[in-house]
N, C-alpha and C. Protein backbone atom coordinates (compact mmCIF):
# COMPACT_ATOMS: atom_id res chain seq x y z
N MET A 1 230.86 83.92 121.43
CA MET A 1 229.95 84.95 121.84
C MET A 1 230.70 86.28 121.80
N SER A 2 230.09 87.32 121.28
CA SER A 2 230.75 88.61 121.14
C SER A 2 230.92 89.28 122.50
N ALA A 3 231.85 90.22 122.56
CA ALA A 3 232.09 90.96 123.80
C ALA A 3 230.84 91.72 124.23
N ALA A 4 230.11 92.25 123.27
CA ALA A 4 228.88 92.98 123.59
C ALA A 4 227.86 92.06 124.23
N ARG A 5 227.74 90.85 123.71
CA ARG A 5 226.78 89.91 124.28
C ARG A 5 227.22 89.44 125.66
N ILE A 6 228.50 89.20 125.84
CA ILE A 6 229.01 88.81 127.14
C ILE A 6 228.73 89.91 128.16
N ALA A 7 228.97 91.16 127.76
CA ALA A 7 228.71 92.29 128.66
C ALA A 7 227.23 92.39 128.99
N ALA A 8 226.37 92.15 128.00
CA ALA A 8 224.93 92.22 128.24
C ALA A 8 224.49 91.12 129.21
N VAL A 9 225.02 89.91 129.03
CA VAL A 9 224.68 88.81 129.94
C VAL A 9 225.18 89.13 131.35
N ALA A 10 226.39 89.67 131.44
CA ALA A 10 226.94 90.04 132.75
C ALA A 10 226.07 91.10 133.42
N ALA A 11 225.60 92.07 132.65
CA ALA A 11 224.74 93.12 133.20
C ALA A 11 223.44 92.55 133.74
N VAL A 12 222.88 91.60 133.01
CA VAL A 12 221.64 90.96 133.47
C VAL A 12 221.90 90.19 134.77
N LEU A 13 223.01 89.48 134.83
CA LEU A 13 223.34 88.74 136.05
C LEU A 13 223.53 89.67 137.23
N VAL A 14 224.19 90.80 137.02
CA VAL A 14 224.37 91.78 138.09
C VAL A 14 223.01 92.29 138.56
N ALA A 15 222.13 92.60 137.61
CA ALA A 15 220.80 93.08 137.97
C ALA A 15 220.03 92.04 138.78
N VAL A 16 220.14 90.78 138.40
CA VAL A 16 219.46 89.70 139.14
C VAL A 16 220.01 89.59 140.55
N VAL A 17 221.33 89.66 140.69
CA VAL A 17 221.94 89.58 142.02
C VAL A 17 221.51 90.76 142.88
N VAL A 18 221.54 91.97 142.32
CA VAL A 18 221.11 93.15 143.07
C VAL A 18 219.66 93.00 143.49
N LEU A 19 218.81 92.53 142.60
CA LEU A 19 217.41 92.33 142.93
C LEU A 19 217.25 91.29 144.05
N ALA A 20 217.97 90.19 143.94
CA ALA A 20 217.88 89.14 144.96
C ALA A 20 218.35 89.65 146.32
N VAL A 21 219.46 90.37 146.32
CA VAL A 21 219.98 90.92 147.57
C VAL A 21 218.98 91.91 148.17
N THR A 22 218.38 92.72 147.33
CA THR A 22 217.40 93.69 147.80
C THR A 22 216.20 93.01 148.45
N VAL A 23 215.78 91.91 147.88
CA VAL A 23 214.60 91.21 148.39
C VAL A 23 214.89 90.53 149.73
N VAL A 24 216.08 89.96 149.90
CA VAL A 24 216.33 89.12 151.07
C VAL A 24 217.17 89.78 152.17
N THR A 25 217.57 91.02 152.01
CA THR A 25 218.42 91.64 153.02
C THR A 25 217.80 92.92 153.55
N GLY A 26 218.51 93.51 154.51
CA GLY A 26 218.04 94.73 155.14
C GLY A 26 218.31 95.97 154.31
N ASP A 27 217.91 97.10 154.86
CA ASP A 27 218.02 98.38 154.18
C ASP A 27 219.47 98.78 153.89
N HIS A 28 220.42 98.44 154.76
CA HIS A 28 221.81 98.86 154.54
C HIS A 28 222.38 98.27 153.25
N VAL A 29 222.03 97.06 152.91
CA VAL A 29 222.50 96.45 151.66
C VAL A 29 221.82 97.13 150.48
N ARG A 30 220.55 97.40 150.61
CA ARG A 30 219.80 98.07 149.55
C ARG A 30 220.42 99.44 149.24
N VAL A 31 220.77 100.18 150.28
CA VAL A 31 221.38 101.49 150.11
C VAL A 31 222.74 101.35 149.42
N ALA A 32 223.54 100.36 149.81
CA ALA A 32 224.85 100.15 149.18
C ALA A 32 224.71 99.82 147.71
N ALA A 33 223.75 98.99 147.35
CA ALA A 33 223.52 98.65 145.94
C ALA A 33 223.14 99.87 145.14
N LYS A 34 222.27 100.71 145.70
CA LYS A 34 221.87 101.93 145.00
C LYS A 34 223.06 102.87 144.81
N GLU A 35 223.93 102.98 145.82
CA GLU A 35 225.11 103.83 145.71
C GLU A 35 226.05 103.33 144.63
N ALA A 36 226.23 102.02 144.53
CA ALA A 36 227.12 101.46 143.51
C ALA A 36 226.62 101.80 142.12
N VAL A 37 225.33 101.71 141.91
CA VAL A 37 224.76 102.05 140.60
C VAL A 37 224.89 103.54 140.35
N ARG A 38 224.65 104.36 141.36
CA ARG A 38 224.71 105.81 141.20
C ARG A 38 226.12 106.27 140.84
N ASP A 39 227.16 105.59 141.35
CA ASP A 39 228.53 105.99 141.08
C ASP A 39 228.99 105.66 139.67
N THR A 40 228.19 104.95 138.90
CA THR A 40 228.53 104.63 137.53
C THR A 40 228.28 105.86 136.67
N PRO A 41 229.31 106.40 136.01
CA PRO A 41 229.10 107.60 135.20
C PRO A 41 228.11 107.35 134.08
N ASP A 42 227.18 108.28 133.90
CA ASP A 42 226.24 108.13 132.80
C ASP A 42 226.18 109.38 131.94
N GLU A 43 227.12 110.30 132.17
CA GLU A 43 227.21 111.49 131.34
C GLU A 43 228.66 111.69 130.92
N HIS A 44 228.82 112.27 129.73
CA HIS A 44 230.16 112.56 129.23
C HIS A 44 230.86 113.57 130.13
N ASP A 45 232.19 113.45 130.23
CA ASP A 45 232.99 114.48 130.86
C ASP A 45 233.00 115.67 129.89
N PRO A 46 232.43 116.81 130.28
CA PRO A 46 232.31 117.93 129.33
C PRO A 46 233.64 118.41 128.77
N ALA A 47 234.68 118.48 129.61
CA ALA A 47 235.99 118.94 129.13
C ALA A 47 236.57 117.96 128.12
N ALA A 48 236.45 116.67 128.39
CA ALA A 48 236.97 115.66 127.47
C ALA A 48 236.23 115.71 126.15
N LEU A 49 234.93 115.87 126.20
CA LEU A 49 234.12 115.90 124.99
C LEU A 49 234.43 117.12 124.13
N THR A 50 234.60 118.27 124.76
CA THR A 50 234.87 119.51 124.04
C THR A 50 236.20 119.46 123.30
N ALA A 51 237.19 118.75 123.85
CA ALA A 51 238.53 118.72 123.27
C ALA A 51 238.71 117.68 122.17
N LEU A 52 237.67 116.94 121.83
CA LEU A 52 237.82 115.87 120.84
C LEU A 52 238.05 116.41 119.43
N GLU A 53 238.88 115.69 118.68
CA GLU A 53 239.04 115.97 117.25
C GLU A 53 237.68 115.76 116.58
N PRO A 54 237.38 116.48 115.48
CA PRO A 54 236.06 116.35 114.85
C PRO A 54 235.66 114.93 114.47
N ALA A 55 236.57 114.12 113.95
CA ALA A 55 236.20 112.75 113.56
C ALA A 55 235.84 111.91 114.78
N VAL A 56 236.58 112.09 115.86
CA VAL A 56 236.30 111.33 117.09
C VAL A 56 234.99 111.81 117.69
N ARG A 57 234.78 113.12 117.69
CA ARG A 57 233.50 113.66 118.17
C ARG A 57 232.35 113.13 117.31
N GLY A 58 232.59 113.02 116.00
CA GLY A 58 231.58 112.47 115.11
C GLY A 58 231.24 111.03 115.46
N TYR A 59 232.24 110.25 115.84
CA TYR A 59 232.01 108.86 116.26
C TYR A 59 231.12 108.84 117.50
N VAL A 60 231.48 109.63 118.50
CA VAL A 60 230.72 109.68 119.75
C VAL A 60 229.29 110.14 119.49
N ASP A 61 229.14 111.20 118.70
CA ASP A 61 227.80 111.72 118.39
C ASP A 61 226.97 110.70 117.62
N ALA A 62 227.60 109.96 116.72
CA ALA A 62 226.88 108.94 115.94
C ALA A 62 226.37 107.82 116.83
N VAL A 63 227.18 107.41 117.81
CA VAL A 63 226.72 106.39 118.75
C VAL A 63 225.55 106.94 119.56
N ASP A 64 225.70 108.18 120.05
CA ASP A 64 224.63 108.79 120.85
C ASP A 64 223.32 108.91 120.07
N SER A 65 223.42 109.23 118.78
CA SER A 65 222.21 109.43 117.96
C SER A 65 221.78 108.15 117.24
N ARG A 66 222.54 107.07 117.44
CA ARG A 66 222.23 105.76 116.83
C ARG A 66 222.20 105.84 115.30
N ASP A 67 223.18 106.54 114.75
CA ASP A 67 223.25 106.79 113.31
C ASP A 67 224.44 106.04 112.71
N VAL A 68 224.18 104.85 112.19
CA VAL A 68 225.27 104.02 111.64
C VAL A 68 225.92 104.69 110.44
N ASN A 69 225.16 105.40 109.62
CA ASN A 69 225.74 106.07 108.45
C ASN A 69 226.72 107.16 108.87
N ALA A 70 226.35 107.94 109.88
CA ALA A 70 227.26 108.98 110.37
C ALA A 70 228.51 108.35 110.98
N LEU A 71 228.34 107.24 111.68
CA LEU A 71 229.49 106.58 112.29
C LEU A 71 230.45 106.10 111.21
N VAL A 72 229.95 105.43 110.21
CA VAL A 72 230.80 104.93 109.12
C VAL A 72 231.46 106.09 108.39
N GLY A 73 230.77 107.21 108.28
CA GLY A 73 231.28 108.37 107.55
C GLY A 73 232.52 109.01 108.15
N VAL A 74 232.79 108.80 109.44
CA VAL A 74 233.99 109.40 110.05
C VAL A 74 235.23 108.54 109.85
N PHE A 75 235.07 107.35 109.29
CA PHE A 75 236.20 106.46 109.03
C PHE A 75 236.74 106.67 107.63
N ALA A 76 238.06 106.52 107.48
CA ALA A 76 238.69 106.51 106.16
C ALA A 76 238.20 105.26 105.41
N PRO A 77 238.20 105.30 104.08
CA PRO A 77 237.69 104.15 103.31
C PRO A 77 238.36 102.82 103.65
N GLN A 78 239.65 102.82 103.93
CA GLN A 78 240.37 101.58 104.24
C GLN A 78 240.71 101.46 105.73
N ALA A 79 239.90 102.05 106.57
CA ALA A 79 240.14 102.03 108.02
C ALA A 79 240.02 100.61 108.58
N THR A 80 240.59 100.45 109.77
CA THR A 80 240.52 99.18 110.48
C THR A 80 240.04 99.42 111.90
N VAL A 81 239.13 98.57 112.35
CA VAL A 81 238.71 98.55 113.75
C VAL A 81 239.18 97.23 114.35
N ASN A 82 239.91 97.32 115.45
CA ASN A 82 240.32 96.13 116.21
C ASN A 82 239.54 96.15 117.52
N ASP A 83 238.61 95.24 117.64
CA ASP A 83 237.73 95.18 118.80
C ASP A 83 238.06 93.94 119.62
N THR A 84 238.89 94.15 120.65
CA THR A 84 239.30 93.08 121.57
C THR A 84 239.65 91.78 120.84
N GLY A 85 240.56 91.90 119.87
CA GLY A 85 241.08 90.72 119.19
C GLY A 85 240.44 90.41 117.85
N ARG A 86 239.37 91.08 117.50
CA ARG A 86 238.72 90.87 116.20
C ARG A 86 238.96 92.10 115.35
N SER A 87 239.26 91.90 114.06
CA SER A 87 239.54 93.01 113.16
C SER A 87 238.47 93.14 112.09
N PHE A 88 238.15 94.40 111.78
CA PHE A 88 237.18 94.74 110.74
C PHE A 88 237.85 95.77 109.85
N HIS A 89 237.99 95.44 108.57
CA HIS A 89 238.74 96.29 107.65
C HIS A 89 237.82 96.83 106.56
N GLY A 90 237.86 98.14 106.37
CA GLY A 90 237.05 98.79 105.34
C GLY A 90 235.67 99.17 105.87
N ARG A 91 235.07 100.14 105.19
CA ARG A 91 233.80 100.69 105.66
C ARG A 91 232.66 99.67 105.70
N ALA A 92 232.61 98.74 104.76
CA ALA A 92 231.51 97.75 104.76
C ALA A 92 231.58 96.88 106.01
N ALA A 93 232.77 96.41 106.34
CA ALA A 93 232.93 95.57 107.54
C ALA A 93 232.69 96.39 108.81
N ILE A 94 233.14 97.64 108.80
CA ILE A 94 232.92 98.52 109.96
C ILE A 94 231.42 98.80 110.12
N ARG A 95 230.71 98.97 109.02
CA ARG A 95 229.26 99.18 109.08
C ARG A 95 228.58 97.97 109.75
N ASP A 96 228.93 96.77 109.32
CA ASP A 96 228.33 95.56 109.90
C ASP A 96 228.63 95.46 111.39
N TRP A 97 229.88 95.69 111.76
CA TRP A 97 230.28 95.66 113.16
C TRP A 97 229.50 96.69 113.97
N ALA A 98 229.45 97.92 113.47
CA ALA A 98 228.76 98.99 114.19
C ALA A 98 227.27 98.69 114.33
N ARG A 99 226.65 98.22 113.27
CA ARG A 99 225.22 97.90 113.30
C ARG A 99 224.93 96.80 114.32
N ASP A 100 225.79 95.79 114.36
CA ASP A 100 225.55 94.64 115.23
C ASP A 100 225.98 94.84 116.68
N GLU A 101 226.99 95.70 116.91
CA GLU A 101 227.58 95.74 118.24
C GLU A 101 227.68 97.12 118.88
N VAL A 102 227.49 98.17 118.12
CA VAL A 102 227.71 99.51 118.67
C VAL A 102 226.42 100.33 118.71
N ILE A 103 225.76 100.43 117.57
CA ILE A 103 224.55 101.25 117.49
C ILE A 103 223.48 100.65 118.40
N GLY A 104 222.91 101.51 119.22
CA GLY A 104 221.94 101.06 120.22
C GLY A 104 222.54 100.99 121.61
N GLY A 105 223.88 101.06 121.67
CA GLY A 105 224.55 101.08 122.96
C GLY A 105 224.70 102.50 123.46
N ARG A 106 225.19 102.63 124.67
CA ARG A 106 225.42 103.94 125.28
C ARG A 106 226.91 104.09 125.52
N LEU A 107 227.51 105.13 124.91
CA LEU A 107 228.93 105.41 125.04
C LEU A 107 229.10 106.67 125.88
N THR A 108 229.86 106.57 126.96
CA THR A 108 230.10 107.71 127.83
C THR A 108 231.59 107.99 127.86
N VAL A 109 231.99 109.19 127.45
CA VAL A 109 233.40 109.58 127.44
C VAL A 109 233.78 110.03 128.85
N LEU A 110 234.74 109.32 129.46
CA LEU A 110 235.18 109.63 130.81
C LEU A 110 236.46 110.45 130.83
N LYS A 111 237.35 110.20 129.84
CA LYS A 111 238.65 110.88 129.80
C LYS A 111 239.15 110.88 128.37
N ASN A 112 239.82 111.96 128.00
CA ASN A 112 240.42 112.12 126.67
C ASN A 112 241.92 112.37 126.86
N THR A 113 242.74 111.51 126.25
CA THR A 113 244.19 111.68 126.31
C THR A 113 244.70 111.86 124.88
N PRO A 114 244.89 113.12 124.45
CA PRO A 114 245.38 113.35 123.08
C PRO A 114 246.77 112.76 122.87
N LYS A 115 247.04 112.37 121.64
CA LYS A 115 248.35 111.87 121.24
C LYS A 115 248.62 112.40 119.84
N THR A 116 249.82 112.21 119.34
CA THR A 116 250.14 112.64 117.98
C THR A 116 249.23 111.89 117.01
N ASN A 117 248.53 112.63 116.17
CA ASN A 117 247.63 112.06 115.15
C ASN A 117 246.52 111.19 115.74
N GLY A 118 245.96 111.62 116.87
CA GLY A 118 244.84 110.87 117.41
C GLY A 118 244.58 111.15 118.86
N THR A 119 243.90 110.23 119.50
CA THR A 119 243.57 110.36 120.91
C THR A 119 243.20 108.99 121.47
N THR A 120 243.31 108.87 122.77
CA THR A 120 242.82 107.68 123.46
C THR A 120 241.75 108.12 124.43
N LEU A 121 240.60 107.47 124.35
CA LEU A 121 239.49 107.78 125.25
C LEU A 121 239.33 106.65 126.25
N LEU A 122 239.08 107.02 127.49
CA LEU A 122 238.56 106.07 128.47
C LEU A 122 237.05 106.26 128.42
N VAL A 123 236.34 105.20 128.12
CA VAL A 123 234.89 105.28 127.96
C VAL A 123 234.21 104.23 128.82
N ARG A 124 232.95 104.42 128.99
CA ARG A 124 232.07 103.38 129.53
C ARG A 124 231.11 103.06 128.41
N PHE A 125 231.07 101.79 127.99
CA PHE A 125 230.16 101.37 126.93
C PHE A 125 229.15 100.40 127.51
N ALA A 126 227.89 100.72 127.30
CA ALA A 126 226.80 99.86 127.76
C ALA A 126 226.08 99.33 126.53
N PRO A 127 226.35 98.08 126.14
CA PRO A 127 225.67 97.51 124.97
C PRO A 127 224.16 97.55 125.16
N GLN A 128 223.48 97.98 124.14
CA GLN A 128 222.02 98.10 124.20
C GLN A 128 221.58 98.99 125.35
N GLY A 129 222.48 99.86 125.84
CA GLY A 129 222.15 100.81 126.88
C GLY A 129 222.05 100.23 128.28
N VAL A 130 222.42 98.96 128.47
CA VAL A 130 222.26 98.28 129.75
C VAL A 130 223.62 97.80 130.26
N GLY A 131 223.82 97.87 131.57
CA GLY A 131 225.07 97.37 132.14
C GLY A 131 226.23 98.22 131.69
N GLY A 132 227.28 97.58 131.27
CA GLY A 132 228.39 98.32 130.70
C GLY A 132 229.73 97.94 131.30
N PHE A 133 230.78 98.46 130.67
CA PHE A 133 232.15 98.19 131.07
C PHE A 133 233.00 99.35 130.61
N GLU A 134 234.16 99.52 131.26
CA GLU A 134 235.09 100.56 130.85
C GLU A 134 236.05 99.99 129.82
N ALA A 135 236.42 100.84 128.87
CA ALA A 135 237.33 100.43 127.81
C ALA A 135 238.17 101.62 127.36
N ASP A 136 239.31 101.30 126.78
CA ASP A 136 240.15 102.31 126.13
C ASP A 136 239.88 102.23 124.64
N TYR A 137 239.54 103.37 124.03
CA TYR A 137 239.33 103.47 122.59
C TYR A 137 240.47 104.32 122.05
N GLU A 138 241.38 103.70 121.31
CA GLU A 138 242.53 104.42 120.77
C GLU A 138 242.27 104.73 119.30
N PHE A 139 242.15 106.02 118.99
CA PHE A 139 241.86 106.48 117.63
C PHE A 139 243.14 106.98 116.98
N ASP A 140 243.44 106.48 115.78
CA ASP A 140 244.50 107.02 114.93
C ASP A 140 243.82 107.75 113.79
N LEU A 141 244.21 109.01 113.58
CA LEU A 141 243.57 109.84 112.56
C LEU A 141 244.51 110.11 111.41
N ARG A 142 243.94 110.20 110.22
CA ARG A 142 244.69 110.55 109.02
C ARG A 142 243.76 111.37 108.12
N ASP A 143 244.22 112.54 107.74
CA ASP A 143 243.45 113.42 106.85
C ASP A 143 242.04 113.68 107.38
N GLY A 144 241.93 113.87 108.69
CA GLY A 144 240.65 114.23 109.30
C GLY A 144 239.67 113.09 109.48
N ARG A 145 240.10 111.86 109.22
CA ARG A 145 239.22 110.70 109.38
C ARG A 145 239.89 109.67 110.29
N ILE A 146 239.09 108.76 110.80
CA ILE A 146 239.62 107.69 111.63
C ILE A 146 240.23 106.63 110.72
N ALA A 147 241.54 106.41 110.85
CA ALA A 147 242.23 105.40 110.05
C ALA A 147 242.28 104.06 110.78
N ARG A 148 242.30 104.14 112.12
CA ARG A 148 242.38 102.92 112.92
C ARG A 148 241.73 103.20 114.27
N LEU A 149 241.00 102.21 114.76
CA LEU A 149 240.39 102.28 116.08
C LEU A 149 240.67 100.97 116.79
N ASP A 150 241.37 101.05 117.93
CA ASP A 150 241.67 99.87 118.75
C ASP A 150 240.87 99.97 120.04
N LEU A 151 240.08 98.94 120.33
CA LEU A 151 239.26 98.90 121.54
C LEU A 151 239.80 97.81 122.46
N ARG A 152 240.03 98.19 123.73
CA ARG A 152 240.53 97.25 124.74
C ARG A 152 239.78 97.48 126.04
N TYR A 153 239.52 96.42 126.76
CA TYR A 153 238.92 96.57 128.08
C TYR A 153 239.90 97.30 128.98
N ALA A 154 239.40 98.23 129.77
CA ALA A 154 240.27 99.01 130.67
C ALA A 154 240.52 98.24 131.96
């Protein structure tokens, strides 16, 4: 089962538990559940977003606009994506991965840590826009394009 599907199942389970707790408990638990959901970031950190390299910003914008062609376009032709132990090499494989696991999700940039020839983002990714998890996205750039992207759970 893919990481995106596992995250989606986990999000559904959390929603069921929150609903069950809300139904069978008092107001104080209901308020705590609402606060936990409210504390989940759902907007980009403006400073982090503004400082992104153009290719990385293009990746984020493509996810936001659900544009698989734009997403693939920011990668170098022979780029590699390593997604929690699985590798996708070249634009065709990256297109399939993005179509199946990225496009339709919600990506929220929480922090940007620039490095030589790239950046590492702390993000919250919600597959299909539901639930979500924090991850580190490490981008290596070459000639203005993404040459390598490593995704790890934070």
